[in-house]
Amino acid sequence: MKFLKSFVFVLFAALASPGFANNQKVDSDGFDVLLEMPVRAFTFGSMIGGFGIFVAISPFTGLMTIPPPHDAFPKLWDFLVCQPAKYTFRRPIGQYRYDEGCPPKGQPVVYQPAPPVVKTPKPVVTEPEPPVQYPQDTNKKLDSIFKKEMMK
């Protein structure tokens, strides 16, 4: 019994001691990543479960869409699927307050005619530059040096 009491006292003292430390910004030391693994797995599961709930209650949501403002489906989708998906995939590591939802839908896409096809310009043919001509003396000197080296 003494061991249990001392263990609990040491545990509480160890957990309470960082509260007395100075508030200094500390870079991530890897424990954030370790904590992220179960958190992201749980939020992924909640996203899948939210999708199942969304499908299951969509008939009732359809009934709630009849009176104005006719936005029951987007609100429910945002709450059950989109927010957990963004919390799972777009939230930075170590940030556990992330309330970003899906952006509201804008005006429907209106048909727009395709832009006109731009014709490619015809290539301009230019004459190639003449090869560089070295003076004849240089060639003769190089030939004589080459022949001497080969005769050795």
N, C-alpha and C. Protein backbone atom coordinates (compact mmCIF):
# COMPACT_ATOMS: atom_id res chain seq x y z
N MET A 1 0.81 -1.19 0.00
CA MET A 1 0.00 0.00 0.00
C MET A 1 0.86 1.26 0.00
N LYS A 2 1.99 1.21 0.74
CA LYS A 2 2.89 2.36 0.76
C LYS A 2 3.45 2.62 -0.64
N PHE A 3 3.77 1.54 -1.34
CA PHE A 3 4.31 1.68 -2.68
C PHE A 3 3.30 2.36 -3.60
N LEU A 4 2.06 1.98 -3.53
CA LEU A 4 1.02 2.57 -4.37
C LEU A 4 0.84 4.05 -4.07
N LYS A 5 0.83 4.41 -2.78
CA LYS A 5 0.69 5.82 -2.40
C LYS A 5 1.88 6.63 -2.90
N SER A 6 3.08 6.09 -2.73
CA SER A 6 4.26 6.83 -3.18
C SER A 6 4.30 6.92 -4.70
N PHE A 7 3.86 5.86 -5.38
CA PHE A 7 3.83 5.89 -6.83
C PHE A 7 2.84 6.95 -7.32
N VAL A 8 1.66 7.02 -6.74
CA VAL A 8 0.68 8.02 -7.13
C VAL A 8 1.20 9.42 -6.85
N PHE A 9 1.86 9.61 -5.69
CA PHE A 9 2.42 10.93 -5.36
C PHE A 9 3.49 11.33 -6.37
N VAL A 10 4.38 10.43 -6.71
CA VAL A 10 5.44 10.73 -7.68
C VAL A 10 4.83 11.00 -9.05
N LEU A 11 3.81 10.26 -9.43
CA LEU A 11 3.16 10.46 -10.72
C LEU A 11 2.53 11.85 -10.79
N PHE A 12 1.80 12.24 -9.75
CA PHE A 12 1.18 13.57 -9.74
C PHE A 12 2.23 14.67 -9.70
N ALA A 13 3.31 14.46 -8.97
CA ALA A 13 4.37 15.47 -8.90
C ALA A 13 5.04 15.62 -10.26
N ALA A 14 5.24 14.51 -10.95
CA ALA A 14 5.90 14.57 -12.26
C ALA A 14 5.00 15.25 -13.29
N LEU A 15 3.71 15.00 -13.22
CA LEU A 15 2.80 15.61 -14.17
C LEU A 15 2.52 17.07 -13.85
N ALA A 16 2.64 17.47 -12.60
CA ALA A 16 2.35 18.85 -12.21
C ALA A 16 3.56 19.76 -12.36
N SER A 17 4.75 19.22 -12.37
CA SER A 17 5.95 20.06 -12.41
C SER A 17 6.10 20.88 -13.68
N PRO A 18 5.69 20.42 -14.88
CA PRO A 18 5.82 21.29 -16.04
C PRO A 18 4.94 22.54 -15.95
N GLY A 19 3.94 22.53 -15.09
CA GLY A 19 3.09 23.71 -14.94
C GLY A 19 3.83 24.87 -14.31
N PHE A 20 4.90 24.61 -13.59
CA PHE A 20 5.66 25.67 -12.95
C PHE A 20 6.79 26.19 -13.83
N ALA A 21 7.02 25.56 -14.94
CA ALA A 21 8.11 25.96 -15.83
C ALA A 21 7.74 27.25 -16.56
N ASN A 22 8.75 27.90 -17.12
CA ASN A 22 8.50 29.09 -17.93
C ASN A 22 7.78 28.70 -19.21
N ASN A 23 6.92 29.56 -19.68
CA ASN A 23 6.24 29.29 -20.94
C ASN A 23 7.17 29.64 -22.08
N GLN A 24 7.81 28.65 -22.61
CA GLN A 24 8.71 28.84 -23.73
C GLN A 24 8.18 28.02 -24.89
N LYS A 25 8.31 28.58 -26.07
CA LYS A 25 7.87 27.85 -27.25
C LYS A 25 8.88 26.74 -27.52
N VAL A 26 8.39 25.52 -27.59
CA VAL A 26 9.24 24.35 -27.79
C VAL A 26 8.88 23.74 -29.14
N ASP A 27 9.90 23.41 -29.91
CA ASP A 27 9.65 22.74 -31.18
C ASP A 27 9.17 21.32 -30.92
N SER A 28 8.52 20.77 -31.92
CA SER A 28 7.98 19.42 -31.80
C SER A 28 9.13 18.45 -31.55
N ASP A 29 8.91 17.53 -30.63
CA ASP A 29 9.94 16.56 -30.31
C ASP A 29 9.56 15.13 -30.71
N GLY A 30 8.52 14.98 -31.50
CA GLY A 30 8.14 13.66 -31.97
C GLY A 30 6.93 13.09 -31.27
N PHE A 31 6.63 13.58 -30.07
CA PHE A 31 5.45 13.07 -29.38
C PHE A 31 4.17 13.55 -30.05
N ASP A 32 4.23 14.69 -30.73
CA ASP A 32 3.06 15.15 -31.48
C ASP A 32 2.71 14.15 -32.57
N VAL A 33 3.73 13.66 -33.24
CA VAL A 33 3.50 12.69 -34.31
C VAL A 33 2.97 11.39 -33.73
N LEU A 34 3.48 11.00 -32.58
CA LEU A 34 3.02 9.79 -31.93
C LEU A 34 1.56 9.91 -31.52
N LEU A 35 1.15 11.08 -31.06
CA LEU A 35 -0.23 11.30 -30.69
C LEU A 35 -1.13 11.44 -31.91
N GLU A 36 -0.56 11.90 -33.01
CA GLU A 36 -1.36 12.10 -34.22
C GLU A 36 -1.88 10.78 -34.79
N MET A 37 -1.14 9.71 -34.64
CA MET A 37 -1.54 8.45 -35.26
C MET A 37 -2.92 7.99 -34.77
N PRO A 38 -3.17 7.88 -33.46
CA PRO A 38 -4.53 7.46 -33.06
C PRO A 38 -5.58 8.53 -33.32
N VAL A 39 -5.20 9.81 -33.22
CA VAL A 39 -6.18 10.88 -33.45
C VAL A 39 -6.64 10.86 -34.90
N ARG A 40 -5.71 10.75 -35.83
CA ARG A 40 -6.09 10.72 -37.24
C ARG A 40 -6.87 9.45 -37.59
N ALA A 41 -6.52 8.33 -36.98
CA ALA A 41 -7.27 7.10 -37.22
C ALA A 41 -8.71 7.24 -36.71
N PHE A 42 -8.86 7.84 -35.53
CA PHE A 42 -10.20 8.05 -34.97
C PHE A 42 -11.01 9.01 -35.84
N THR A 43 -10.40 10.10 -36.30
CA THR A 43 -11.15 11.05 -37.12
C THR A 43 -11.48 10.46 -38.50
N PHE A 44 -10.60 9.60 -39.02
CA PHE A 44 -10.92 8.92 -40.28
C PHE A 44 -12.13 8.01 -40.09
N GLY A 45 -12.15 7.29 -38.97
CA GLY A 45 -13.30 6.45 -38.67
C GLY A 45 -14.57 7.26 -38.47
N SER A 46 -14.44 8.43 -37.85
CA SER A 46 -15.63 9.27 -37.67
C SER A 46 -16.11 9.81 -39.02
N MET A 47 -15.19 10.05 -39.94
CA MET A 47 -15.61 10.49 -41.27
C MET A 47 -16.39 9.38 -41.99
N ILE A 48 -15.90 8.15 -41.91
CA ILE A 48 -16.59 7.02 -42.53
C ILE A 48 -17.95 6.80 -41.85
N GLY A 49 -17.98 6.86 -40.52
CA GLY A 49 -19.24 6.72 -39.80
C GLY A 49 -20.21 7.85 -40.12
N GLY A 50 -19.68 9.06 -40.26
CA GLY A 50 -20.53 10.20 -40.62
C GLY A 50 -21.14 10.03 -41.99
N PHE A 51 -20.38 9.45 -42.92
CA PHE A 51 -20.93 9.19 -44.25
C PHE A 51 -22.06 8.16 -44.16
N GLY A 52 -21.88 7.13 -43.33
CA GLY A 52 -22.93 6.14 -43.16
C GLY A 52 -24.18 6.75 -42.55
N ILE A 53 -24.00 7.60 -41.57
CA ILE A 53 -25.15 8.27 -40.95
C ILE A 53 -25.81 9.20 -41.97
N PHE A 54 -25.01 9.89 -42.76
CA PHE A 54 -25.55 10.79 -43.78
C PHE A 54 -26.44 10.02 -44.76
N VAL A 55 -25.98 8.86 -45.20
CA VAL A 55 -26.77 8.05 -46.13
C VAL A 55 -28.03 7.53 -45.43
N ALA A 56 -27.89 7.13 -44.16
CA ALA A 56 -29.03 6.55 -43.46
C ALA A 56 -30.13 7.56 -43.21
N ILE A 57 -29.78 8.81 -42.90
CA ILE A 57 -30.82 9.78 -42.57
C ILE A 57 -31.12 10.73 -43.73
N SER A 58 -30.62 10.41 -44.93
CA SER A 58 -30.89 11.30 -46.07
C SER A 58 -32.39 11.41 -46.41
N PRO A 59 -33.22 10.37 -46.21
CA PRO A 59 -34.65 10.61 -46.47
C PRO A 59 -35.25 11.67 -45.55
N PHE A 60 -34.85 11.64 -44.28
CA PHE A 60 -35.35 12.65 -43.34
C PHE A 60 -34.78 14.03 -43.67
N THR A 61 -33.55 14.04 -44.14
CA THR A 61 -32.94 15.31 -44.54
C THR A 61 -33.67 15.87 -45.74
N GLY A 62 -34.11 15.00 -46.63
CA GLY A 62 -34.89 15.44 -47.78
C GLY A 62 -36.18 16.11 -47.36
N LEU A 63 -36.81 15.57 -46.32
CA LEU A 63 -38.02 16.20 -45.80
C LEU A 63 -37.71 17.57 -45.18
N MET A 64 -36.54 17.69 -44.57
CA MET A 64 -36.17 18.96 -43.95
C MET A 64 -35.74 19.99 -44.99
N THR A 65 -35.53 19.56 -46.21
CA THR A 65 -35.12 20.48 -47.26
C THR A 65 -36.33 21.17 -47.89
N ILE A 66 -37.53 20.67 -47.64
CA ILE A 66 -38.73 21.24 -48.27
C ILE A 66 -38.96 22.70 -47.86
N PRO A 67 -38.95 23.04 -46.55
CA PRO A 67 -39.15 24.46 -46.22
C PRO A 67 -37.88 25.25 -46.47
N PRO A 68 -38.02 26.58 -46.70
CA PRO A 68 -36.82 27.39 -46.90
C PRO A 68 -35.95 27.35 -45.67
N PRO A 69 -34.68 27.48 -45.74
CA PRO A 69 -33.79 27.96 -46.80
C PRO A 69 -33.23 26.85 -47.68
N HIS A 70 -33.75 25.64 -47.64
CA HIS A 70 -33.38 24.55 -48.56
C HIS A 70 -31.88 24.20 -48.49
N ASP A 71 -31.31 24.23 -47.30
CA ASP A 71 -29.86 23.94 -47.20
C ASP A 71 -29.57 22.82 -46.20
N ALA A 72 -30.49 21.91 -46.00
CA ALA A 72 -30.28 20.84 -45.02
C ALA A 72 -29.18 19.88 -45.47
N PHE A 73 -29.17 19.51 -46.75
CA PHE A 73 -28.15 18.57 -47.22
C PHE A 73 -26.73 19.15 -47.12
N PRO A 74 -26.48 20.38 -47.59
CA PRO A 74 -25.11 20.90 -47.45
C PRO A 74 -24.67 21.06 -46.00
N LYS A 75 -25.58 21.46 -45.12
CA LYS A 75 -25.21 21.61 -43.71
C LYS A 75 -24.89 20.25 -43.08
N LEU A 76 -25.72 19.26 -43.38
CA LEU A 76 -25.48 17.93 -42.83
C LEU A 76 -24.20 17.32 -43.38
N TRP A 77 -23.96 17.49 -44.67
CA TRP A 77 -22.72 16.98 -45.30
C TRP A 77 -21.50 17.64 -44.67
N ASP A 78 -21.60 18.93 -44.46
CA ASP A 78 -20.48 19.67 -43.87
C ASP A 78 -20.20 19.16 -42.46
N PHE A 79 -21.25 18.93 -41.69
CA PHE A 79 -21.09 18.54 -40.29
C PHE A 79 -20.62 17.09 -40.15
N LEU A 80 -21.18 16.18 -40.94
CA LEU A 80 -20.88 14.75 -40.75
C LEU A 80 -19.70 14.24 -41.55
N VAL A 81 -19.41 14.83 -42.70
CA VAL A 81 -18.38 14.26 -43.57
C VAL A 81 -17.23 15.24 -43.82
N CYS A 82 -17.56 16.46 -44.21
CA CYS A 82 -16.52 17.38 -44.66
C CYS A 82 -15.62 17.86 -43.52
N GLN A 83 -16.20 18.23 -42.39
CA GLN A 83 -15.37 18.67 -41.27
C GLN A 83 -14.45 17.57 -40.74
N PRO A 84 -14.94 16.32 -40.54
CA PRO A 84 -14.00 15.27 -40.14
C PRO A 84 -12.93 14.98 -41.20
N ALA A 85 -13.30 15.10 -42.48
CA ALA A 85 -12.30 14.85 -43.54
C ALA A 85 -11.22 15.92 -43.50
N LYS A 86 -11.60 17.17 -43.35
CA LYS A 86 -10.58 18.23 -43.29
C LYS A 86 -9.78 18.13 -42.01
N TYR A 87 -10.41 17.72 -40.90
CA TYR A 87 -9.68 17.54 -39.66
C TYR A 87 -8.67 16.40 -39.79
N THR A 88 -9.02 15.38 -40.57
CA THR A 88 -8.13 14.24 -40.74
C THR A 88 -6.99 14.54 -41.70
N PHE A 89 -7.30 15.15 -42.85
CA PHE A 89 -6.30 15.24 -43.91
C PHE A 89 -5.65 16.61 -44.06
N ARG A 90 -6.27 17.70 -43.65
CA ARG A 90 -5.71 19.02 -43.92
C ARG A 90 -5.20 19.74 -42.66
N ARG A 91 -5.45 19.20 -41.48
CA ARG A 91 -5.05 19.84 -40.24
C ARG A 91 -3.55 19.67 -40.04
N PRO A 92 -2.84 20.75 -39.66
CA PRO A 92 -1.41 20.62 -39.39
C PRO A 92 -1.16 19.76 -38.15
N ILE A 93 -0.02 19.11 -38.11
CA ILE A 93 0.31 18.24 -36.98
C ILE A 93 0.48 19.10 -35.73
N GLY A 94 -0.14 18.65 -34.64
CA GLY A 94 -0.03 19.35 -33.37
C GLY A 94 -1.11 20.39 -33.15
N GLN A 95 -1.91 20.68 -34.12
CA GLN A 95 -2.98 21.66 -33.96
C GLN A 95 -4.29 20.88 -33.82
N TYR A 96 -4.86 20.91 -32.62
CA TYR A 96 -6.04 20.10 -32.35
C TYR A 96 -7.33 20.90 -32.40
N ARG A 97 -7.26 22.21 -32.56
CA ARG A 97 -8.45 23.03 -32.75
C ARG A 97 -8.46 23.46 -34.21
N TYR A 98 -9.25 22.79 -34.99
CA TYR A 98 -9.30 23.04 -36.43
C TYR A 98 -10.75 22.99 -36.83
N ASP A 99 -11.38 24.14 -36.97
CA ASP A 99 -12.81 24.20 -37.20
C ASP A 99 -13.16 24.56 -38.64
N GLU A 100 -12.25 24.35 -39.56
CA GLU A 100 -12.52 24.71 -40.94
C GLU A 100 -13.48 23.71 -41.56
N GLY A 101 -14.54 24.23 -42.14
CA GLY A 101 -15.52 23.37 -42.80
C GLY A 101 -15.39 23.50 -44.30
N CYS A 102 -16.35 22.96 -45.00
CA CYS A 102 -16.36 23.07 -46.45
C CYS A 102 -16.83 24.47 -46.84
N PRO A 103 -16.31 25.00 -47.91
CA PRO A 103 -16.77 26.32 -48.34
C PRO A 103 -18.21 26.23 -48.83
N PRO A 104 -19.00 27.28 -48.61
CA PRO A 104 -20.38 27.24 -49.10
C PRO A 104 -20.40 27.18 -50.61
N LYS A 105 -21.41 26.52 -51.11
CA LYS A 105 -21.53 26.39 -52.56
C LYS A 105 -21.92 27.73 -53.16
N GLY A 106 -21.29 28.07 -54.23
CA GLY A 106 -21.60 29.33 -54.91
C GLY A 106 -22.71 29.13 -55.92
N GLN A 107 -22.75 29.98 -56.88
CA GLN A 107 -23.75 29.87 -57.93
C GLN A 107 -23.44 28.63 -58.78
N PRO A 108 -24.47 28.00 -59.33
CA PRO A 108 -24.20 26.83 -60.17
C PRO A 108 -23.40 27.23 -61.40
N VAL A 109 -22.65 26.28 -61.90
CA VAL A 109 -21.81 26.54 -63.06
C VAL A 109 -22.70 26.71 -64.28
N VAL A 110 -22.52 27.81 -64.96
CA VAL A 110 -23.31 28.11 -66.15
C VAL A 110 -22.49 27.70 -67.36
N TYR A 111 -23.18 27.21 -68.37
CA TYR A 111 -22.49 26.81 -69.59
C TYR A 111 -21.79 28.01 -70.20
N GLN A 112 -20.55 27.84 -70.49
CA GLN A 112 -19.78 28.88 -71.16
C GLN A 112 -19.21 28.28 -72.44
N PRO A 113 -19.31 29.02 -73.53
CA PRO A 113 -18.77 28.48 -74.77
C PRO A 113 -17.26 28.30 -74.67
N ALA A 114 -16.78 27.33 -75.40
CA ALA A 114 -15.35 27.05 -75.39
C ALA A 114 -14.60 28.21 -76.05
N PRO A 115 -13.40 28.52 -75.59
CA PRO A 115 -12.64 29.58 -76.22
C PRO A 115 -12.27 29.19 -77.65
N PRO A 116 -12.09 30.17 -78.51
CA PRO A 116 -11.74 29.84 -79.90
C PRO A 116 -10.38 29.15 -79.97
N VAL A 117 -10.29 28.29 -80.97
CA VAL A 117 -9.03 27.56 -81.16
C VAL A 117 -8.00 28.51 -81.77
N VAL A 118 -6.85 28.56 -81.15
CA VAL A 118 -5.78 29.43 -81.64
C VAL A 118 -4.90 28.62 -82.59
N LYS A 119 -4.71 29.16 -83.78
CA LYS A 119 -3.86 28.47 -84.74
C LYS A 119 -2.40 28.73 -84.39
N THR A 120 -1.61 27.68 -84.49
CA THR A 120 -0.20 27.83 -84.19
C THR A 120 0.48 28.53 -85.37
N PRO A 121 1.39 29.43 -85.08
CA PRO A 121 2.07 30.11 -86.18
C PRO A 121 3.00 29.15 -86.91
N LYS A 122 3.19 29.44 -88.19
CA LYS A 122 4.09 28.61 -88.98
C LYS A 122 5.53 28.91 -88.57
N PRO A 123 6.36 27.89 -88.51
CA PRO A 123 7.74 28.13 -88.10
C PRO A 123 8.49 28.91 -89.18
N VAL A 124 9.35 29.78 -88.71
CA VAL A 124 10.16 30.59 -89.62
C VAL A 124 11.46 29.83 -89.86
N VAL A 125 11.76 29.58 -91.13
CA VAL A 125 12.97 28.84 -91.49
C VAL A 125 14.10 29.84 -91.70
N THR A 126 15.16 29.66 -90.98
CA THR A 126 16.34 30.51 -91.15
C THR A 126 17.48 29.64 -91.63
N GLU A 127 18.41 30.28 -92.28
CA GLU A 127 19.55 29.52 -92.78
C GLU A 127 20.52 29.29 -91.64
N PRO A 128 21.11 28.10 -91.61
CA PRO A 128 22.06 27.80 -90.52
C PRO A 128 23.31 28.65 -90.65
N GLU A 129 23.91 28.88 -89.52
CA GLU A 129 25.14 29.67 -89.51
C GLU A 129 26.27 28.84 -90.13
N PRO A 130 27.15 29.50 -90.86
CA PRO A 130 28.27 28.75 -91.46
C PRO A 130 29.20 28.24 -90.36
N PRO A 131 29.85 27.12 -90.60
CA PRO A 131 30.77 26.60 -89.58
C PRO A 131 31.95 27.55 -89.39
N VAL A 132 32.51 27.47 -88.22
CA VAL A 132 33.64 28.35 -87.88
C VAL A 132 34.86 27.89 -88.68
N GLN A 133 35.50 28.84 -89.35
CA GLN A 133 36.69 28.56 -90.14
C GLN A 133 37.92 29.01 -89.36
N TYR A 134 38.78 28.07 -89.05
CA TYR A 134 40.02 28.42 -88.37
C TYR A 134 41.08 28.73 -89.43
N PRO A 135 42.01 29.54 -89.07
CA PRO A 135 43.08 29.85 -90.05
C PRO A 135 43.83 28.57 -90.43
N GLN A 136 44.33 28.56 -91.68
CA GLN A 136 45.03 27.38 -92.19
C GLN A 136 46.32 27.12 -91.44
N ASP A 137 46.95 28.15 -90.95
CA ASP A 137 48.21 27.96 -90.21
C ASP A 137 47.98 27.12 -88.96
N THR A 138 46.88 27.34 -88.30
CA THR A 138 46.58 26.60 -87.08
C THR A 138 46.40 25.12 -87.40
N ASN A 139 45.70 24.83 -88.48
CA ASN A 139 45.49 23.44 -88.85
C ASN A 139 46.81 22.76 -89.22
N LYS A 140 47.67 23.46 -89.92
CA LYS A 140 48.95 22.87 -90.31
C LYS A 140 49.82 22.61 -89.10
N LYS A 141 49.81 23.54 -88.16
CA LYS A 141 50.61 23.36 -86.95
C LYS A 141 50.11 22.14 -86.16
N LEU A 142 48.79 22.04 -86.04
CA LEU A 142 48.23 20.92 -85.30
C LEU A 142 48.52 19.59 -86.00
N ASP A 143 48.45 19.60 -87.34
CA ASP A 143 48.76 18.38 -88.08
C ASP A 143 50.21 17.96 -87.88
N SER A 144 51.12 18.92 -87.90
CA SER A 144 52.54 18.57 -87.73
C SER A 144 52.80 18.06 -86.31
N ILE A 145 52.14 18.65 -85.31
CA ILE A 145 52.32 18.18 -83.93
C ILE A 145 51.75 16.77 -83.79
N PHE A 146 50.61 16.53 -84.39
CA PHE A 146 49.98 15.22 -84.32
C PHE A 146 50.86 14.16 -84.98
N LYS A 147 51.42 14.49 -86.14
CA LYS A 147 52.28 13.52 -86.85
C LYS A 147 53.53 13.22 -86.04
N LYS A 148 54.09 14.24 -85.42
CA LYS A 148 55.31 14.01 -84.62
C LYS A 148 55.00 13.09 -83.44
N GLU A 149 53.86 13.33 -82.82
CA GLU A 149 53.47 12.51 -81.67
C GLU A 149 53.19 11.07 -82.08
N MET A 150 52.63 10.90 -83.26
CA MET A 150 52.31 9.57 -83.71
C MET A 150 53.55 8.79 -84.12
N MET A 151 54.59 9.47 -84.55
CA MET A 151 55.81 8.81 -85.01
C MET A 151 56.68 8.39 -83.83
N LYS A 152 56.46 8.86 -82.71
CA LYS A 152 57.30 8.49 -81.57
C LYS A 152 57.18 7.05 -81.21
